[in-house]
Protein backbone atom coordinates (compact mmCIF):
# COMPACT_ATOMS: atom_id res chain seq x y z
CA UNK A 1 0.00 0.00 0.00
CA UNK A 2 1.27 3.46 -0.76
CA UNK A 3 -0.02 7.00 -0.48
CA UNK A 4 0.90 10.17 -2.29
CA UNK A 5 1.97 13.26 -0.40
CA UNK A 6 -0.11 16.20 -1.57
CA UNK A 7 0.07 19.93 -1.25
CA UNK A 8 1.05 21.08 2.26
CA UNK A 9 2.34 17.55 3.08
CA UNK A 10 -1.11 16.01 3.36
CA UNK A 11 -1.65 12.30 2.88
CA UNK A 12 -4.84 10.30 2.39
CA UNK A 13 -5.30 7.00 4.23
CA UNK A 14 -7.35 4.30 2.56
CA UNK A 15 -10.95 3.81 3.67
CA UNK A 16 -10.10 0.32 4.96
CA UNK A 17 -7.37 1.64 7.27
CA UNK A 18 -9.55 4.50 8.51
CA UNK A 19 -12.41 2.12 9.31
CA UNK A 20 -10.13 -0.48 10.94
CA UNK A 21 -8.57 2.08 13.29
CA UNK A 22 -11.59 4.35 13.80
CA UNK A 23 -9.97 7.32 12.10
CA UNK A 24 -12.34 9.97 10.79
CA UNK A 25 -12.21 13.67 10.04
CA UNK A 26 -10.81 15.49 13.06
CA UNK A 27 -9.14 12.37 14.52
CA UNK A 28 -5.73 12.84 16.12
CA UNK A 29 -2.66 10.81 15.21
CA UNK A 30 0.69 10.79 16.98
CA UNK A 31 3.56 10.98 14.49
CA UNK A 32 6.77 9.17 15.51
CA UNK A 33 10.02 8.25 13.87
CA UNK A 34 11.21 4.69 14.48
CA UNK A 35 14.16 3.00 12.81
CA UNK A 36 14.12 5.34 9.83
CA UNK A 37 10.34 5.09 9.39
CA UNK A 38 7.39 7.36 10.01
CA UNK A 39 4.79 5.78 12.29
CA UNK A 40 1.23 7.08 12.76
CA UNK A 41 -0.50 6.11 16.01
CA UNK A 42 -4.24 6.83 16.44
CA UNK A 43 -5.16 8.65 19.65
CA UNK A 44 -8.45 8.02 21.43
CA UNK A 45 -10.22 11.28 22.15
CA UNK A 46 -13.26 11.79 24.33
CA UNK A 47 -15.97 14.40 24.20
CA UNK A 48 -15.90 14.46 28.00
CA UNK A 49 -12.34 13.98 29.34
CA UNK A 50 -13.66 12.22 32.47
CA UNK A 51 -14.84 9.35 30.22
CA UNK A 52 -11.18 8.37 29.77
CA UNK A 53 -10.86 7.90 33.53
CA UNK A 54 -14.04 5.89 34.04
CA UNK A 55 -13.26 2.56 35.66
CA UNK A 56 -9.57 3.33 36.20
CA UNK A 57 -9.90 3.41 40.00
CA UNK A 58 -11.09 0.32 41.81
CA UNK A 59 -12.24 0.50 45.43
CA UNK A 60 -12.02 -2.59 47.60
CA UNK A 61 -15.33 -1.90 49.29
CA UNK A 62 -17.47 1.23 49.54
CA UNK A 63 -17.32 3.02 52.88
CA UNK A 64 -20.80 3.12 54.37
CA UNK A 65 -20.10 5.75 57.03
CA UNK A 66 -17.04 7.82 56.06
CA UNK A 67 -17.45 10.17 59.06
CA UNK A 68 -17.50 7.25 61.47
CA UNK A 69 -14.39 5.74 59.86
CA UNK A 70 -12.62 9.11 60.15
CA UNK A 71 -13.60 9.48 63.83
CA UNK A 72 -12.29 6.02 64.69
CA UNK A 73 -9.02 6.76 62.89
CA UNK A 74 -8.59 10.11 64.69
CA UNK A 75 -9.35 8.57 68.10
CA UNK A 76 -6.82 5.82 67.41
CA UNK A 77 -4.12 8.36 66.43
CA UNK A 78 -4.87 10.48 69.51
CA UNK A 79 -4.65 7.42 71.77
CA UNK A 80 -1.27 6.51 70.22
CA UNK A 81 -0.05 10.04 70.94
CA UNK A 82 -0.94 9.70 74.62
CA UNK A 83 1.09 6.52 75.09
PDB file of N, CA and C in Angstrom:
ATOM      1  N   UNK A   1       0.858  -1.177   0.000  1.00  0.00           N
ATOM      2  CA  UNK A   1       0.000   0.000   0.000  1.00  0.00           C
ATOM      3  C   UNK A   1       0.898   1.232   0.000  1.00  0.00           C
ATOM      4  N   UNK A   2       0.518   2.212  -0.744  1.00  0.00           N
ATOM      5  CA  UNK A   2       1.270   3.462  -0.758  1.00  0.00           C
ATOM      6  C   UNK A   2       0.295   4.629  -0.812  1.00  0.00           C
ATOM      7  N   UNK A   3       0.786   5.774  -0.411  1.00  0.00           N
ATOM      8  CA  UNK A   3      -0.017   7.001  -0.479  1.00  0.00           C
ATOM      9  C   UNK A   3       0.844   8.081  -1.116  1.00  0.00           C
ATOM     10  N   UNK A   4       0.188   9.063  -1.664  1.00  0.00           N
ATOM     11  CA  UNK A   4       0.899  10.174  -2.287  1.00  0.00           C
ATOM     12  C   UNK A   4       0.828  11.375  -1.357  1.00  0.00           C
ATOM     13  N   UNK A   5       1.938  12.053  -1.223  1.00  0.00           N
ATOM     14  CA  UNK A   5       1.970  13.262  -0.403  1.00  0.00           C
ATOM     15  C   UNK A   5       1.486  14.414  -1.269  1.00  0.00           C
ATOM     16  N   UNK A   6       0.456  15.095  -0.800  1.00  0.00           N
ATOM     17  CA  UNK A   6      -0.113  16.198  -1.565  1.00  0.00           C
ATOM     18  C   UNK A   6       0.408  17.546  -1.116  1.00  0.00           C
ATOM     19  N   UNK A   7      -0.273  18.554  -1.595  1.00  0.00           N
ATOM     20  CA  UNK A   7       0.069  19.927  -1.249  1.00  0.00           C
ATOM     21  C   UNK A   7       0.028  20.086   0.266  1.00  0.00           C
ATOM     22  N   UNK A   8       0.943  20.834   0.827  1.00  0.00           N
ATOM     23  CA  UNK A   8       1.048  21.077   2.261  1.00  0.00           C
ATOM     24  C   UNK A   8       1.415  19.819   3.054  1.00  0.00           C
ATOM     25  N   UNK A   9       1.921  18.763   2.380  1.00  0.00           N
ATOM     26  CA  UNK A   9       2.345  17.555   3.080  1.00  0.00           C
ATOM     27  C   UNK A   9       1.221  16.639   3.510  1.00  0.00           C
ATOM     28  N   UNK A  10       0.046  16.833   2.989  1.00  0.00           N
ATOM     29  CA  UNK A  10      -1.108  16.013   3.363  1.00  0.00           C
ATOM     30  C   UNK A  10      -1.047  14.650   2.696  1.00  0.00           C
ATOM     31  N   UNK A  11      -1.530  13.636   3.436  1.00  0.00           N
ATOM     32  CA  UNK A  11      -1.649  12.295   2.879  1.00  0.00           C
ATOM     33  C   UNK A  11      -3.082  11.824   3.083  1.00  0.00           C
ATOM     34  N   UNK A  12      -3.501  10.865   2.278  1.00  0.00           N
ATOM     35  CA  UNK A  12      -4.843  10.301   2.394  1.00  0.00           C
ATOM     36  C   UNK A  12      -4.688   8.822   2.734  1.00  0.00           C
ATOM     37  N   UNK A  13      -5.309   8.408   3.840  1.00  0.00           N
ATOM     38  CA  UNK A  13      -5.301   7.000   4.227  1.00  0.00           C
ATOM     39  C   UNK A  13      -6.475   6.294   3.572  1.00  0.00           C
ATOM     40  N   UNK A  14      -6.278   5.044   3.213  1.00  0.00           N
ATOM     41  CA  UNK A  14      -7.349   4.300   2.558  1.00  0.00           C
ATOM     42  C   UNK A  14      -8.548   4.142   3.489  1.00  0.00           C
ATOM     43  N   UNK A  15      -9.714   3.970   2.902  1.00  0.00           N
ATOM     44  CA  UNK A  15     -10.947   3.807   3.666  1.00  0.00           C
ATOM     45  C   UNK A  15     -10.846   2.606   4.610  1.00  0.00           C
ATOM     46  N   UNK A  16     -10.252   1.514   4.137  1.00  0.00           N
ATOM     47  CA  UNK A  16     -10.102   0.317   4.965  1.00  0.00           C
ATOM     48  C   UNK A  16      -9.300   0.581   6.234  1.00  0.00           C
ATOM     49  N   UNK A  17      -8.186   1.306   6.102  1.00  0.00           N
ATOM     50  CA  UNK A  17      -7.372   1.644   7.272  1.00  0.00           C
ATOM     51  C   UNK A  17      -8.131   2.569   8.222  1.00  0.00           C
ATOM     52  N   UNK A  18      -8.798   3.565   7.661  1.00  0.00           N
ATOM     53  CA  UNK A  18      -9.551   4.500   8.508  1.00  0.00           C
ATOM     54  C   UNK A  18     -10.628   3.763   9.286  1.00  0.00           C
ATOM     55  N   UNK A  19     -11.344   2.866   8.632  1.00  0.00           N
ATOM     56  CA  UNK A  19     -12.405   2.119   9.314  1.00  0.00           C
ATOM     57  C   UNK A  19     -11.828   1.169  10.359  1.00  0.00           C
ATOM     58  N   UNK A  20     -10.738   0.481  10.022  1.00  0.00           N
ATOM     59  CA  UNK A  20     -10.128  -0.482  10.935  1.00  0.00           C
ATOM     60  C   UNK A  20      -9.653   0.179  12.231  1.00  0.00           C
ATOM     61  N   UNK A  21      -9.130   1.412  12.130  1.00  0.00           N
ATOM     62  CA  UNK A  21      -8.574   2.084  13.293  1.00  0.00           C
ATOM     63  C   UNK A  21      -9.448   3.220  13.821  1.00  0.00           C
ATOM     64  N   UNK A  22     -10.654   3.336  13.298  1.00  0.00           N
ATOM     65  CA  UNK A  22     -11.590   4.346  13.802  1.00  0.00           C
ATOM     66  C   UNK A  22     -11.144   5.776  13.539  1.00  0.00           C
ATOM     67  N   UNK A  23     -10.456   5.977  12.441  1.00  0.00           N
ATOM     68  CA  UNK A  23      -9.968   7.317  12.105  1.00  0.00           C
ATOM     69  C   UNK A  23     -10.991   7.995  11.204  1.00  0.00           C
ATOM     70  N   UNK A  24     -11.398   9.196  11.600  1.00  0.00           N
ATOM     71  CA  UNK A  24     -12.342   9.967  10.795  1.00  0.00           C
ATOM     72  C   UNK A  24     -11.899  11.433  10.812  1.00  0.00           C
ATOM     73  N   UNK A  25     -12.589  12.262  10.106  1.00  0.00           N
ATOM     74  CA  UNK A  25     -12.214  13.670  10.045  1.00  0.00           C
ATOM     75  C   UNK A  25     -12.110  14.235  11.459  1.00  0.00           C
ATOM     76  N   UNK A  26     -11.020  14.910  11.734  1.00  0.00           N
ATOM     77  CA  UNK A  26     -10.808  15.488  13.056  1.00  0.00           C
ATOM     78  C   UNK A  26     -10.086  14.565  14.027  1.00  0.00           C
ATOM     79  N   UNK A  27      -9.865  13.300  13.648  1.00  0.00           N
ATOM     80  CA  UNK A  27      -9.140  12.368  14.517  1.00  0.00           C
ATOM     81  C   UNK A  27      -7.704  12.846  14.698  1.00  0.00           C
ATOM     82  N   UNK A  28      -7.115  12.484  15.837  1.00  0.00           N
ATOM     83  CA  UNK A  28      -5.730  12.837  16.118  1.00  0.00           C
ATOM     84  C   UNK A  28      -4.850  11.614  15.917  1.00  0.00           C
ATOM     85  N   UNK A  29      -3.662  11.858  15.373  1.00  0.00           N
ATOM     86  CA  UNK A  29      -2.658  10.812  15.212  1.00  0.00           C
ATOM     87  C   UNK A  29      -1.346  11.314  15.801  1.00  0.00           C
ATOM     88  N   UNK A  30      -0.652  10.469  16.512  1.00  0.00           N
ATOM     89  CA  UNK A  30       0.692  10.791  16.982  1.00  0.00           C
ATOM     90  C   UNK A  30       1.647  10.384  15.863  1.00  0.00           C
ATOM     91  N   UNK A  31       2.580  11.260  15.539  1.00  0.00           N
ATOM     92  CA  UNK A  31       3.559  10.980  14.490  1.00  0.00           C
ATOM     93  C   UNK A  31       4.900  10.728  15.169  1.00  0.00           C
ATOM     94  N   UNK A  32       5.486   9.555  14.913  1.00  0.00           N
ATOM     95  CA  UNK A  32       6.767   9.168  15.509  1.00  0.00           C
ATOM     96  C   UNK A  32       7.726   8.731  14.410  1.00  0.00           C
ATOM     97  N   UNK A  33       8.999   8.823  14.729  1.00  0.00           N
ATOM     98  CA  UNK A  33      10.023   8.251  13.872  1.00  0.00           C
ATOM     99  C   UNK A  33      10.557   7.027  14.590  1.00  0.00           C
ATOM    100  N   UNK A  34      10.683   5.912  13.881  1.00  0.00           N
ATOM    101  CA  UNK A  34      11.211   4.690  14.476  1.00  0.00           C
ATOM    102  C   UNK A  34      12.020   3.940  13.427  1.00  0.00           C
ATOM    103  N   UNK A  35      13.281   3.762  13.693  1.00  0.00           N
ATOM    104  CA  UNK A  35      14.161   2.995  12.811  1.00  0.00           C
ATOM    105  C   UNK A  35      14.084   3.471  11.363  1.00  0.00           C
ATOM    106  N   UNK A  36      14.132   4.778  11.179  1.00  0.00           N
ATOM    107  CA  UNK A  36      14.117   5.341   9.832  1.00  0.00           C
ATOM    108  C   UNK A  36      12.760   5.331   9.150  1.00  0.00           C
ATOM    109  N   UNK A  37      11.693   5.123   9.945  1.00  0.00           N
ATOM    110  CA  UNK A  37      10.340   5.088   9.388  1.00  0.00           C
ATOM    111  C   UNK A  37       9.458   6.110  10.090  1.00  0.00           C
ATOM    112  N   UNK A  38       8.401   6.489   9.415  1.00  0.00           N
ATOM    113  CA  UNK A  38       7.393   7.363  10.013  1.00  0.00           C
ATOM    114  C   UNK A  38       6.242   6.472  10.467  1.00  0.00           C
ATOM    115  N   UNK A  39       5.853   6.615  11.724  1.00  0.00           N
ATOM    116  CA  UNK A  39       4.791   5.781  12.293  1.00  0.00           C
ATOM    117  C   UNK A  39       3.648   6.687  12.739  1.00  0.00           C
ATOM    118  N   UNK A  40       2.422   6.350  12.345  1.00  0.00           N
ATOM    119  CA  UNK A  40       1.229   7.085  12.758  1.00  0.00           C
ATOM    120  C   UNK A  40       0.480   6.238  13.785  1.00  0.00           C
ATOM    121  N   UNK A  41       0.191   6.823  14.945  1.00  0.00           N
ATOM    122  CA  UNK A  41      -0.503   6.108  16.012  1.00  0.00           C
ATOM    123  C   UNK A  41      -1.810   6.838  16.320  1.00  0.00           C
ATOM    124  N   UNK A  42      -2.971   6.178  16.126  1.00  0.00           N
ATOM    125  CA  UNK A  42      -4.243   6.831  16.443  1.00  0.00           C
ATOM    126  C   UNK A  42      -4.356   7.118  17.941  1.00  0.00           C
ATOM    127  N   UNK A  43      -4.959   8.246  18.263  1.00  0.00           N
ATOM    128  CA  UNK A  43      -5.160   8.648  19.650  1.00  0.00           C
ATOM    129  C   UNK A  43      -6.653   8.642  19.939  1.00  0.00           C
ATOM    130  N   UNK A  44      -7.035   7.986  21.022  1.00  0.00           N
ATOM    131  CA  UNK A  44      -8.445   8.023  21.427  1.00  0.00           C
ATOM    132  C   UNK A  44      -8.738   9.381  22.036  1.00  0.00           C
ATOM    133  N   UNK A  45      -9.794  10.007  21.570  1.00  0.00           N
ATOM    134  CA  UNK A  45     -10.222  11.280  22.153  1.00  0.00           C
ATOM    135  C   UNK A  45     -11.632  11.101  22.693  1.00  0.00           C
ATOM    136  N   UNK A  46     -11.959  11.892  23.668  1.00  0.00           N
ATOM    137  CA  UNK A  46     -13.259  11.788  24.330  1.00  0.00           C
ATOM    138  C   UNK A  46     -13.924  13.150  24.352  1.00  0.00           C
ATOM    139  N   UNK A  47     -15.224  13.150  24.141  1.00  0.00           N
ATOM    140  CA  UNK A  47     -15.972  14.397  24.198  1.00  0.00           C
ATOM    141  C   UNK A  47     -15.906  14.961  25.620  1.00  0.00           C
ATOM    142  N   UNK A  48     -16.030  14.072  26.600  1.00  0.00           N
ATOM    143  CA  UNK A  48     -15.902  14.456  28.003  1.00  0.00           C
ATOM    144  C   UNK A  48     -14.634  13.787  28.532  1.00  0.00           C
ATOM    145  N   UNK A  49     -13.609  14.560  28.904  1.00  0.00           N
ATOM    146  CA  UNK A  49     -12.343  13.976  29.344  1.00  0.00           C
ATOM    147  C   UNK A  49     -12.481  12.979  30.493  1.00  0.00           C
ATOM    148  N   UNK A  50     -13.497  13.146  31.346  1.00  0.00           N
ATOM    149  CA  UNK A  50     -13.658  12.220  32.467  1.00  0.00           C
ATOM    150  C   UNK A  50     -14.017  10.818  31.993  1.00  0.00           C
ATOM    151  N   UNK A  51     -14.532  10.679  30.756  1.00  0.00           N
ATOM    152  CA  UNK A  51     -14.844   9.354  30.216  1.00  0.00           C
ATOM    153  C   UNK A  51     -13.585   8.494  30.134  1.00  0.00           C
ATOM    154  N   UNK A  52     -12.439   9.117  29.880  1.00  0.00           N
ATOM    155  CA  UNK A  52     -11.183   8.372  29.771  1.00  0.00           C
ATOM    156  C   UNK A  52     -10.784   7.771  31.109  1.00  0.00           C
ATOM    157  N   UNK A  53     -11.230   8.370  32.191  1.00  0.00           N
ATOM    158  CA  UNK A  53     -10.858   7.895  33.533  1.00  0.00           C
ATOM    159  C   UNK A  53     -11.835   6.880  34.096  1.00  0.00           C
ATOM    160  N   UNK A  54     -13.012   6.767  33.495  1.00  0.00           N
ATOM    161  CA  UNK A  54     -14.044   5.894  34.043  1.00  0.00           C
ATOM    162  C   UNK A  54     -13.533   4.469  34.192  1.00  0.00           C
ATOM    163  N   UNK A  55     -13.659   3.935  35.388  1.00  0.00           N
ATOM    164  CA  UNK A  55     -13.258   2.556  35.664  1.00  0.00           C
ATOM    165  C   UNK A  55     -11.783   2.383  35.963  1.00  0.00           C
ATOM    166  N   UNK A  56     -11.007   3.465  35.971  1.00  0.00           N
ATOM    167  CA  UNK A  56      -9.568   3.330  36.203  1.00  0.00           C
ATOM    168  C   UNK A  56      -9.222   3.171  37.681  1.00  0.00           C
ATOM    169  N   UNK A  57     -10.137   3.542  38.561  1.00  0.00           N
ATOM    170  CA  UNK A  57      -9.898   3.411  39.998  1.00  0.00           C
ATOM    171  C   UNK A  57     -10.850   2.362  40.549  1.00  0.00           C
ATOM    172  N   UNK A  58     -10.280   1.391  41.219  1.00  0.00           N
ATOM    173  CA  UNK A  58     -11.090   0.324  41.813  1.00  0.00           C
ATOM    174  C   UNK A  58     -11.028   0.445  43.334  1.00  0.00           C
ATOM    175  N   UNK A  59     -12.175   0.479  43.973  1.00  0.00           N
ATOM    176  CA  UNK A  59     -12.243   0.504  45.429  1.00  0.00           C
ATOM    177  C   UNK A  59     -12.485  -0.911  45.929  1.00  0.00           C
ATOM    178  N   UNK A  60     -11.828  -1.252  47.050  1.00  0.00           N
ATOM    179  CA  UNK A  60     -12.025  -2.589  47.604  1.00  0.00           C
ATOM    180  C   UNK A  60     -13.475  -2.769  48.040  1.00  0.00           C
ATOM    181  N   UNK A  61     -13.948  -1.844  48.843  1.00  0.00           N
ATOM    182  CA  UNK A  61     -15.333  -1.897  49.293  1.00  0.00           C
ATOM    183  C   UNK A  61     -15.788  -0.470  49.584  1.00  0.00           C
ATOM    184  N   UNK A  62     -17.006  -0.128  49.251  1.00  0.00           N
ATOM    185  CA  UNK A  62     -17.469   1.230  49.542  1.00  0.00           C
ATOM    186  C   UNK A  62     -17.545   1.456  51.048  1.00  0.00           C
ATOM    187  N   UNK A  63     -17.256   2.666  51.457  1.00  0.00           N
ATOM    188  CA  UNK A  63     -17.325   3.024  52.875  1.00  0.00           C
ATOM    189  C   UNK A  63     -18.734   3.496  53.166  1.00  0.00           C
ATOM    190  N   UNK A  64     -19.407   2.798  54.056  1.00  0.00           N
ATOM    191  CA  UNK A  64     -20.795   3.124  54.371  1.00  0.00           C
ATOM    192  C   UNK A  64     -20.897   4.429  55.168  1.00  0.00           C
ATOM    193  N   UNK A  65     -20.063   4.572  56.168  1.00  0.00           N
ATOM    194  CA  UNK A  65     -20.096   5.753  57.034  1.00  0.00           C
ATOM    195  C   UNK A  65     -18.725   6.406  57.080  1.00  0.00           C
ATOM    196  N   UNK A  66     -18.385   7.233  56.092  1.00  0.00           N
ATOM    197  CA  UNK A  66     -17.040   7.822  56.061  1.00  0.00           C
ATOM    198  C   UNK A  66     -16.711   8.651  57.298  1.00  0.00           C
ATOM    199  N   UNK A  67     -17.715   9.366  57.865  1.00  0.00           N
ATOM    200  CA  UNK A  67     -17.451  10.174  59.061  1.00  0.00           C
ATOM    201  C   UNK A  67     -17.086   9.280  60.239  1.00  0.00           C
ATOM    202  N   UNK A  68     -17.783   8.169  60.380  1.00  0.00           N
ATOM    203  CA  UNK A  68     -17.497   7.248  61.474  1.00  0.00           C
ATOM    204  C   UNK A  68     -16.093   6.654  61.324  1.00  0.00           C
ATOM    205  N   UNK A  69     -15.725   6.292  60.117  1.00  0.00           N
ATOM    206  CA  UNK A  69     -14.391   5.744  59.864  1.00  0.00           C
ATOM    207  C   UNK A  69     -13.331   6.787  60.209  1.00  0.00           C
ATOM    208  N   UNK A  70     -13.566   8.036  59.844  1.00  0.00           N
ATOM    209  CA  UNK A  70     -12.621   9.113  60.151  1.00  0.00           C
ATOM    210  C   UNK A  70     -12.510   9.323  61.657  1.00  0.00           C
ATOM    211  N   UNK A  71     -13.635   9.307  62.358  1.00  0.00           N
ATOM    212  CA  UNK A  71     -13.605   9.484  63.825  1.00  0.00           C
ATOM    213  C   UNK A  71     -12.796   8.385  64.499  1.00  0.00           C
ATOM    214  N   UNK A  72     -13.022   7.150  64.095  1.00  0.00           N
ATOM    215  CA  UNK A  72     -12.295   6.025  64.692  1.00  0.00           C
ATOM    216  C   UNK A  72     -10.791   6.191  64.436  1.00  0.00           C
ATOM    217  N   UNK A  73     -10.430   6.576  63.231  1.00  0.00           N
ATOM    218  CA  UNK A  73      -9.021   6.762  62.889  1.00  0.00           C
ATOM    219  C   UNK A  73      -8.402   7.873  63.747  1.00  0.00           C
ATOM    220  N   UNK A  74      -9.112   8.987  63.890  1.00  0.00           N
ATOM    221  CA  UNK A  74      -8.591  10.108  64.692  1.00  0.00           C
ATOM    222  C   UNK A  74      -8.450   9.704  66.150  1.00  0.00           C
ATOM    223  N   UNK A  75      -9.439   9.012  66.700  1.00  0.00           N
ATOM    224  CA  UNK A  75      -9.353   8.568  68.095  1.00  0.00           C
ATOM    225  C   UNK A  75      -8.167   7.632  68.286  1.00  0.00           C
ATOM    226  N   UNK A  76      -7.946   6.755  67.328  1.00  0.00           N
ATOM    227  CA  UNK A  76      -6.824   5.820  67.409  1.00  0.00           C
ATOM    228  C   UNK A  76      -5.503   6.585  67.409  1.00  0.00           C
ATOM    229  N   UNK A  77      -5.351   7.573  66.505  1.00  0.00           N
ATOM    230  CA  UNK A  77      -4.122   8.363  66.434  1.00  0.00           C
ATOM    231  C   UNK A  77      -3.906   9.177  67.707  1.00  0.00           C
ATOM    232  N   UNK A  78      -4.991   9.729  68.269  1.00  0.00           N
ATOM    233  CA  UNK A  78      -4.872  10.485  69.510  1.00  0.00           C
ATOM    234  C   UNK A  78      -4.448   9.579  70.660  1.00  0.00           C
ATOM    235  N   UNK A  79      -4.997   8.381  70.710  1.00  0.00           N
ATOM    236  CA  UNK A  79      -4.648   7.422  71.766  1.00  0.00           C
ATOM    237  C   UNK A  79      -3.189   7.028  71.633  1.00  0.00           C
ATOM    238  N   UNK A  80      -2.689   6.853  70.422  1.00  0.00           N
ATOM    239  CA  UNK A  80      -1.273   6.513  70.219  1.00  0.00           C
ATOM    240  C   UNK A  80      -0.377   7.647  70.691  1.00  0.00           C
ATOM    241  N   UNK A  81      -0.832   8.890  70.518  1.00  0.00           N
ATOM    242  CA  UNK A  81      -0.048  10.045  70.944  1.00  0.00           C
ATOM    243  C   UNK A  81       0.041  10.174  72.452  1.00  0.00           C
ATOM    244  N   UNK A  82      -0.931   9.624  73.169  1.00  0.00           N
ATOM    245  CA  UNK A  82      -0.936   9.702  74.620  1.00  0.00           C
ATOM    246  C   UNK A  82      -0.048   8.639  75.263  1.00  0.00           C
ATOM    247  N   UNK A  83       0.283   7.622  74.539  1.00  0.00           N
ATOM    248  CA  UNK A  83       1.086   6.516  75.093  1.00  0.00           C
ATOM    249  C   UNK A  83       2.528   6.883  75.274  1.00  0.00           C
TER     250      UNK A  83
END
